[in-house]
Amino acid sequence: MSEETPPTPEPEDAFVPIAHDLNSCGLRCRLVFSAPLDEDPRSWRQLIVSGVPVGFLQCEPDTDPATQAKDLAFHTQAAVLENLQVIEDGRAWPHCRAGHPHPMSLASDGEGQWPYWHCPKDRSYRWDVGDHPGNAG
């Protein structure tokens, strides 16, 4: 009897926590099966935020879930912040607490540890990637 290799997770599966954080902050998002020129589309997706194509995301299939989440969150935040002027009602993402107009910062406590968002002025105010409360935070 031969062991079957588990199926490679799709980029959409790895993106679920980041999609939650975008949606909780009022940004609609979706991934489109597309890749930059000369790249393998199986591991790339185009990110659309509130109807605006903001860039491409790569999801390395052999990377642990925490590292995938951190990489996708990092590149998503960069793409959103670079395109704020064209995103309807665009503001710093992910939102920080009330009265803080800056975006939260991304961090993790080490390799393989789940990443989290934190306030750059008060590191104790934090949310795991995928658990951001959005405007209620």
N, C-alpha and C. Protein backbone atom coordinates (compact mmCIF):
# COMPACT_ATOMS: atom_id res chain seq x y z
N MET A 1 0.83 -1.17 0.00
CA MET A 1 0.00 0.00 0.00
C MET A 1 0.89 1.25 0.00
N SER A 2 0.63 2.19 -0.88
CA SER A 2 1.46 3.38 -0.95
C SER A 2 0.79 4.55 -0.23
N GLU A 3 1.65 5.37 0.35
CA GLU A 3 1.12 6.57 1.02
C GLU A 3 0.87 7.64 -0.02
N GLU A 4 -0.27 8.29 0.13
CA GLU A 4 -0.58 9.38 -0.79
C GLU A 4 -0.06 10.69 -0.21
N THR A 5 0.46 11.51 -1.10
CA THR A 5 0.92 12.84 -0.70
C THR A 5 -0.31 13.71 -0.50
N PRO A 6 -0.37 14.44 0.62
CA PRO A 6 -1.53 15.30 0.81
C PRO A 6 -1.58 16.38 -0.27
N PRO A 7 -2.79 16.80 -0.63
CA PRO A 7 -2.88 17.81 -1.68
C PRO A 7 -2.24 19.13 -1.23
N THR A 8 -1.65 19.82 -2.18
CA THR A 8 -1.04 21.11 -1.89
C THR A 8 -2.15 22.12 -1.63
N PRO A 9 -2.06 22.87 -0.51
CA PRO A 9 -3.11 23.85 -0.24
C PRO A 9 -3.12 24.94 -1.31
N GLU A 10 -4.29 25.40 -1.63
CA GLU A 10 -4.45 26.48 -2.59
C GLU A 10 -4.14 27.82 -1.93
N PRO A 11 -3.66 28.80 -2.70
CA PRO A 11 -3.41 30.13 -2.12
C PRO A 11 -4.65 30.71 -1.43
N GLU A 12 -5.83 30.42 -1.97
CA GLU A 12 -7.07 30.91 -1.35
C GLU A 12 -7.23 30.42 0.07
N ASP A 13 -6.82 29.18 0.32
CA ASP A 13 -6.91 28.62 1.68
C ASP A 13 -5.98 29.36 2.64
N ALA A 14 -4.76 29.63 2.20
CA ALA A 14 -3.79 30.33 3.04
C ALA A 14 -4.21 31.78 3.27
N PHE A 15 -5.00 32.34 2.35
CA PHE A 15 -5.40 33.74 2.42
C PHE A 15 -6.59 33.98 3.34
N VAL A 16 -7.27 32.94 3.79
CA VAL A 16 -8.49 33.09 4.60
C VAL A 16 -8.30 34.03 5.80
N PRO A 17 -7.25 33.91 6.63
CA PRO A 17 -7.12 34.83 7.76
C PRO A 17 -6.94 36.29 7.35
N ILE A 18 -6.23 36.52 6.26
CA ILE A 18 -6.01 37.88 5.81
C ILE A 18 -7.31 38.44 5.25
N ALA A 19 -8.06 37.62 4.52
CA ALA A 19 -9.37 38.06 4.00
C ALA A 19 -10.29 38.46 5.16
N HIS A 20 -10.25 37.70 6.24
CA HIS A 20 -11.07 38.05 7.41
C HIS A 20 -10.71 39.44 7.91
N ASP A 21 -9.41 39.72 8.05
CA ASP A 21 -8.97 41.01 8.57
C ASP A 21 -9.31 42.16 7.62
N LEU A 22 -9.23 41.94 6.33
CA LEU A 22 -9.64 42.96 5.37
C LEU A 22 -11.14 43.22 5.49
N ASN A 23 -11.92 42.14 5.49
CA ASN A 23 -13.37 42.28 5.57
C ASN A 23 -13.81 42.93 6.87
N SER A 24 -13.17 42.58 7.98
CA SER A 24 -13.57 43.15 9.28
C SER A 24 -13.33 44.66 9.32
N CYS A 25 -12.39 45.13 8.50
CA CYS A 25 -12.10 46.56 8.43
C CYS A 25 -12.87 47.25 7.30
N GLY A 26 -13.84 46.55 6.72
CA GLY A 26 -14.71 47.15 5.72
C GLY A 26 -14.19 47.11 4.29
N LEU A 27 -13.15 46.33 4.03
CA LEU A 27 -12.61 46.21 2.68
C LEU A 27 -13.03 44.87 2.07
N ARG A 28 -13.65 44.94 0.91
CA ARG A 28 -14.01 43.71 0.20
C ARG A 28 -12.77 43.20 -0.53
N CYS A 29 -12.57 41.91 -0.54
CA CYS A 29 -11.39 41.40 -1.22
C CYS A 29 -11.72 40.10 -1.94
N ARG A 30 -10.92 39.83 -2.95
CA ARG A 30 -11.00 38.55 -3.64
C ARG A 30 -9.67 38.30 -4.33
N LEU A 31 -9.42 37.04 -4.58
CA LEU A 31 -8.22 36.64 -5.31
C LEU A 31 -8.64 36.14 -6.68
N VAL A 32 -7.88 36.51 -7.69
CA VAL A 32 -8.14 36.09 -9.06
C VAL A 32 -6.98 35.22 -9.52
N PHE A 33 -7.31 34.11 -10.17
CA PHE A 33 -6.28 33.20 -10.70
C PHE A 33 -5.52 33.92 -11.80
N SER A 34 -4.36 34.48 -11.45
CA SER A 34 -3.54 35.23 -12.38
C SER A 34 -2.14 35.36 -11.78
N ALA A 35 -1.18 35.60 -12.62
CA ALA A 35 0.21 35.71 -12.14
C ALA A 35 0.94 36.77 -12.94
N PRO A 36 2.02 37.33 -12.35
CA PRO A 36 2.86 38.23 -13.13
C PRO A 36 3.45 37.48 -14.32
N LEU A 37 3.84 38.22 -15.33
CA LEU A 37 4.42 37.65 -16.54
C LEU A 37 5.57 36.69 -16.19
N ASP A 38 5.59 35.53 -16.81
CA ASP A 38 6.64 34.52 -16.65
C ASP A 38 6.65 33.83 -15.29
N GLU A 39 5.57 33.93 -14.51
CA GLU A 39 5.48 33.23 -13.22
C GLU A 39 4.46 32.11 -13.32
N ASP A 40 4.61 31.10 -12.48
CA ASP A 40 3.70 29.96 -12.45
C ASP A 40 2.41 30.37 -11.76
N PRO A 41 1.28 30.38 -12.46
CA PRO A 41 0.03 30.85 -11.85
C PRO A 41 -0.51 29.94 -10.75
N ARG A 42 0.02 28.75 -10.60
CA ARG A 42 -0.48 27.87 -9.53
C ARG A 42 -0.20 28.43 -8.14
N SER A 43 0.86 29.22 -7.99
CA SER A 43 1.19 29.74 -6.67
C SER A 43 1.00 31.25 -6.56
N TRP A 44 0.42 31.86 -7.57
CA TRP A 44 0.19 33.30 -7.57
C TRP A 44 -1.29 33.60 -7.69
N ARG A 45 -1.71 34.73 -7.12
CA ARG A 45 -3.07 35.24 -7.31
C ARG A 45 -3.00 36.77 -7.37
N GLN A 46 -3.90 37.35 -8.16
CA GLN A 46 -4.02 38.80 -8.17
C GLN A 46 -4.99 39.19 -7.06
N LEU A 47 -4.61 40.19 -6.28
CA LEU A 47 -5.43 40.67 -5.17
C LEU A 47 -6.27 41.85 -5.63
N ILE A 48 -7.57 41.72 -5.44
CA ILE A 48 -8.52 42.79 -5.75
C ILE A 48 -9.10 43.26 -4.41
N VAL A 49 -8.99 44.54 -4.10
CA VAL A 49 -9.51 45.09 -2.85
C VAL A 49 -10.52 46.18 -3.20
N SER A 50 -11.75 45.99 -2.75
CA SER A 50 -12.83 46.94 -3.01
C SER A 50 -12.89 47.31 -4.49
N GLY A 51 -12.74 46.28 -5.34
CA GLY A 51 -12.85 46.45 -6.78
C GLY A 51 -11.59 46.94 -7.47
N VAL A 52 -10.52 47.19 -6.73
CA VAL A 52 -9.28 47.73 -7.30
C VAL A 52 -8.20 46.64 -7.32
N PRO A 53 -7.64 46.32 -8.50
CA PRO A 53 -6.50 45.40 -8.54
C PRO A 53 -5.29 46.08 -7.90
N VAL A 54 -4.81 45.53 -6.79
CA VAL A 54 -3.73 46.19 -6.06
C VAL A 54 -2.38 45.48 -6.17
N GLY A 55 -2.35 44.29 -6.73
CA GLY A 55 -1.08 43.61 -6.88
C GLY A 55 -1.24 42.11 -6.91
N PHE A 56 -0.11 41.43 -6.92
CA PHE A 56 -0.07 39.97 -6.95
C PHE A 56 0.50 39.44 -5.65
N LEU A 57 -0.03 38.31 -5.22
CA LEU A 57 0.46 37.64 -4.02
C LEU A 57 0.96 36.26 -4.40
N GLN A 58 2.09 35.87 -3.82
CA GLN A 58 2.63 34.53 -4.04
C GLN A 58 2.47 33.72 -2.77
N CYS A 59 2.06 32.49 -2.94
CA CYS A 59 1.91 31.58 -1.81
C CYS A 59 2.79 30.36 -2.06
N GLU A 60 3.85 30.25 -1.30
CA GLU A 60 4.77 29.13 -1.45
C GLU A 60 4.13 27.87 -0.86
N PRO A 61 3.90 26.84 -1.65
CA PRO A 61 3.16 25.67 -1.17
C PRO A 61 3.85 24.86 -0.06
N ASP A 62 5.16 24.91 0.02
CA ASP A 62 5.87 24.10 1.02
C ASP A 62 6.22 24.89 2.28
N THR A 63 5.58 26.01 2.50
CA THR A 63 5.86 26.85 3.65
C THR A 63 4.84 26.55 4.75
N ASP A 64 5.28 26.61 6.00
CA ASP A 64 4.36 26.33 7.10
C ASP A 64 3.26 27.41 7.15
N PRO A 65 2.08 27.09 7.69
CA PRO A 65 0.95 28.02 7.68
C PRO A 65 1.23 29.36 8.34
N ALA A 66 1.99 29.40 9.43
CA ALA A 66 2.28 30.67 10.11
C ALA A 66 3.14 31.58 9.22
N THR A 67 4.12 31.00 8.56
CA THR A 67 4.98 31.79 7.66
C THR A 67 4.19 32.26 6.45
N GLN A 68 3.33 31.39 5.91
CA GLN A 68 2.47 31.80 4.80
C GLN A 68 1.60 32.97 5.21
N ALA A 69 0.97 32.88 6.38
CA ALA A 69 0.10 33.96 6.85
C ALA A 69 0.88 35.26 7.01
N LYS A 70 2.06 35.18 7.57
CA LYS A 70 2.86 36.39 7.76
C LYS A 70 3.25 36.99 6.42
N ASP A 71 3.71 36.17 5.48
CA ASP A 71 4.10 36.67 4.16
C ASP A 71 2.92 37.29 3.44
N LEU A 72 1.78 36.60 3.44
CA LEU A 72 0.60 37.12 2.75
C LEU A 72 0.09 38.40 3.42
N ALA A 73 0.09 38.44 4.74
CA ALA A 73 -0.36 39.65 5.46
C ALA A 73 0.57 40.82 5.14
N PHE A 74 1.87 40.57 5.15
CA PHE A 74 2.85 41.63 4.85
C PHE A 74 2.62 42.21 3.46
N HIS A 75 2.52 41.34 2.45
CA HIS A 75 2.38 41.81 1.08
C HIS A 75 1.00 42.41 0.83
N THR A 76 -0.01 41.91 1.49
CA THR A 76 -1.34 42.49 1.37
C THR A 76 -1.37 43.89 1.96
N GLN A 77 -0.79 44.05 3.16
CA GLN A 77 -0.76 45.37 3.78
C GLN A 77 -0.01 46.36 2.88
N ALA A 78 1.12 45.96 2.35
CA ALA A 78 1.89 46.84 1.48
C ALA A 78 1.08 47.24 0.25
N ALA A 79 0.39 46.28 -0.36
CA ALA A 79 -0.41 46.58 -1.55
C ALA A 79 -1.57 47.52 -1.22
N VAL A 80 -2.23 47.30 -0.09
CA VAL A 80 -3.34 48.17 0.30
C VAL A 80 -2.83 49.58 0.59
N LEU A 81 -1.78 49.69 1.37
CA LEU A 81 -1.26 51.02 1.73
C LEU A 81 -0.75 51.78 0.50
N GLU A 82 -0.18 51.07 -0.47
CA GLU A 82 0.30 51.72 -1.69
C GLU A 82 -0.84 52.20 -2.57
N ASN A 83 -2.04 51.66 -2.37
CA ASN A 83 -3.17 51.99 -3.24
C ASN A 83 -4.31 52.69 -2.52
N LEU A 84 -4.05 53.23 -1.34
CA LEU A 84 -5.13 53.87 -0.56
C LEU A 84 -5.88 54.94 -1.34
N GLN A 85 -5.17 55.70 -2.15
CA GLN A 85 -5.80 56.81 -2.86
C GLN A 85 -6.83 56.33 -3.88
N VAL A 86 -6.76 55.09 -4.33
CA VAL A 86 -7.73 54.59 -5.32
C VAL A 86 -8.74 53.61 -4.75
N ILE A 87 -8.58 53.24 -3.47
CA ILE A 87 -9.53 52.34 -2.82
C ILE A 87 -10.60 53.20 -2.15
N GLU A 88 -11.86 52.92 -2.49
CA GLU A 88 -12.96 53.69 -1.92
C GLU A 88 -12.93 53.64 -0.40
N ASP A 89 -13.05 54.81 0.22
CA ASP A 89 -12.98 54.93 1.68
C ASP A 89 -11.68 54.35 2.24
N GLY A 90 -10.62 54.40 1.46
CA GLY A 90 -9.34 53.82 1.88
C GLY A 90 -8.77 54.55 3.09
N ARG A 91 -8.34 53.76 4.05
CA ARG A 91 -7.61 54.29 5.20
C ARG A 91 -6.63 53.23 5.65
N ALA A 92 -5.72 53.62 6.48
CA ALA A 92 -4.66 52.70 6.92
C ALA A 92 -5.24 51.35 7.31
N TRP A 93 -4.60 50.29 6.82
CA TRP A 93 -5.07 48.93 7.12
C TRP A 93 -3.93 48.09 7.64
N PRO A 94 -4.19 47.25 8.63
CA PRO A 94 -5.45 47.13 9.36
C PRO A 94 -5.62 48.28 10.36
N HIS A 95 -6.86 48.64 10.59
CA HIS A 95 -7.16 49.75 11.50
C HIS A 95 -6.60 49.46 12.88
N CYS A 96 -6.14 50.51 13.53
CA CYS A 96 -5.70 50.40 14.91
C CYS A 96 -6.88 50.80 15.80
N ARG A 97 -6.63 50.97 17.07
CA ARG A 97 -7.72 51.33 17.99
C ARG A 97 -8.22 52.74 17.69
N ALA A 98 -9.40 53.04 18.22
CA ALA A 98 -10.02 54.36 18.02
C ALA A 98 -9.03 55.46 18.41
N GLY A 99 -8.96 56.49 17.59
CA GLY A 99 -8.06 57.61 17.86
C GLY A 99 -6.65 57.41 17.34
N HIS A 100 -6.36 56.24 16.80
CA HIS A 100 -5.04 55.95 16.23
C HIS A 100 -5.18 55.85 14.72
N PRO A 101 -4.78 56.87 13.96
CA PRO A 101 -4.97 56.84 12.51
C PRO A 101 -3.97 55.97 11.75
N HIS A 102 -2.94 55.48 12.44
CA HIS A 102 -1.90 54.67 11.78
C HIS A 102 -2.38 53.23 11.59
N PRO A 103 -1.76 52.51 10.67
CA PRO A 103 -2.06 51.08 10.55
C PRO A 103 -1.37 50.32 11.68
N MET A 104 -1.86 49.13 11.95
CA MET A 104 -1.19 48.26 12.90
C MET A 104 0.06 47.69 12.23
N SER A 105 1.02 47.28 13.02
CA SER A 105 2.25 46.68 12.52
C SER A 105 2.14 45.16 12.61
N LEU A 106 2.85 44.48 11.74
CA LEU A 106 2.85 43.02 11.69
C LEU A 106 4.07 42.47 12.41
N ALA A 107 3.89 41.42 13.20
CA ALA A 107 5.02 40.80 13.90
C ALA A 107 4.71 39.33 14.18
N SER A 108 5.71 38.61 14.62
CA SER A 108 5.53 37.26 15.17
C SER A 108 6.62 37.07 16.22
N ASP A 109 6.43 36.11 17.09
CA ASP A 109 7.38 35.91 18.17
C ASP A 109 8.46 34.87 17.82
N GLY A 110 8.56 34.53 16.56
CA GLY A 110 9.60 33.59 16.15
C GLY A 110 9.12 32.72 15.00
N GLU A 111 10.06 32.00 14.42
CA GLU A 111 9.75 31.14 13.30
C GLU A 111 8.70 30.10 13.69
N GLY A 112 7.69 29.96 12.85
CA GLY A 112 6.63 28.99 13.11
C GLY A 112 5.55 29.50 14.05
N GLN A 113 5.74 30.69 14.62
CA GLN A 113 4.74 31.27 15.52
C GLN A 113 3.74 32.08 14.70
N TRP A 114 2.46 32.00 15.08
CA TRP A 114 1.42 32.68 14.33
C TRP A 114 1.65 34.20 14.41
N PRO A 115 1.55 34.90 13.28
CA PRO A 115 1.78 36.34 13.27
C PRO A 115 0.61 37.11 13.89
N TYR A 116 0.90 38.33 14.27
CA TYR A 116 -0.14 39.18 14.87
C TYR A 116 0.08 40.63 14.45
N TRP A 117 -1.01 41.39 14.54
CA TRP A 117 -0.99 42.82 14.33
C TRP A 117 -0.85 43.47 15.69
N HIS A 118 -0.08 44.56 15.79
CA HIS A 118 0.01 45.28 17.06
C HIS A 118 0.07 46.78 16.79
N CYS A 119 -0.35 47.55 17.77
CA CYS A 119 -0.27 49.00 17.69
C CYS A 119 1.20 49.39 17.77
N PRO A 120 1.68 50.23 16.86
CA PRO A 120 3.09 50.63 16.93
C PRO A 120 3.43 51.50 18.13
N LYS A 121 2.41 52.04 18.80
CA LYS A 121 2.65 52.87 19.98
C LYS A 121 2.42 52.12 21.28
N ASP A 122 1.67 51.02 21.23
CA ASP A 122 1.36 50.24 22.42
C ASP A 122 1.30 48.77 22.02
N ARG A 123 2.44 48.10 22.11
CA ARG A 123 2.54 46.71 21.63
C ARG A 123 1.61 45.75 22.35
N SER A 124 1.07 46.14 23.49
CA SER A 124 0.16 45.25 24.20
C SER A 124 -1.21 45.18 23.52
N TYR A 125 -1.51 46.16 22.66
CA TYR A 125 -2.76 46.13 21.89
C TYR A 125 -2.48 45.34 20.63
N ARG A 126 -2.96 44.10 20.58
CA ARG A 126 -2.63 43.22 19.47
C ARG A 126 -3.75 42.24 19.16
N TRP A 127 -3.74 41.78 17.92
CA TRP A 127 -4.71 40.79 17.42
C TRP A 127 -3.98 39.82 16.53
N ASP A 128 -4.25 38.54 16.70
CA ASP A 128 -3.69 37.56 15.78
C ASP A 128 -4.19 37.85 14.37
N VAL A 129 -3.35 37.60 13.36
CA VAL A 129 -3.79 37.67 11.97
C VAL A 129 -4.95 36.69 11.83
N GLY A 130 -6.05 37.19 11.33
CA GLY A 130 -7.26 36.38 11.19
C GLY A 130 -8.28 36.63 12.27
N ASP A 131 -7.90 37.41 13.30
CA ASP A 131 -8.82 37.71 14.41
C ASP A 131 -9.07 39.20 14.60
N HIS A 132 -8.65 40.02 13.64
CA HIS A 132 -8.80 41.47 13.81
C HIS A 132 -10.29 41.82 13.94
N PRO A 133 -10.64 42.64 14.95
CA PRO A 133 -12.06 42.95 15.16
C PRO A 133 -12.58 44.05 14.25
N GLY A 134 -11.71 44.66 13.46
CA GLY A 134 -12.17 45.71 12.56
C GLY A 134 -12.46 47.00 13.27
N ASN A 135 -13.51 47.67 12.85
CA ASN A 135 -13.83 48.98 13.38
C ASN A 135 -14.22 48.93 14.85
N ALA A 136 -14.60 47.76 15.35
CA ALA A 136 -15.00 47.65 16.76
C ALA A 136 -13.80 47.58 17.68
N GLY A 137 -12.58 47.38 17.12
CA GLY A 137 -11.37 47.21 17.92
C GLY A 137 -11.02 48.45 18.64
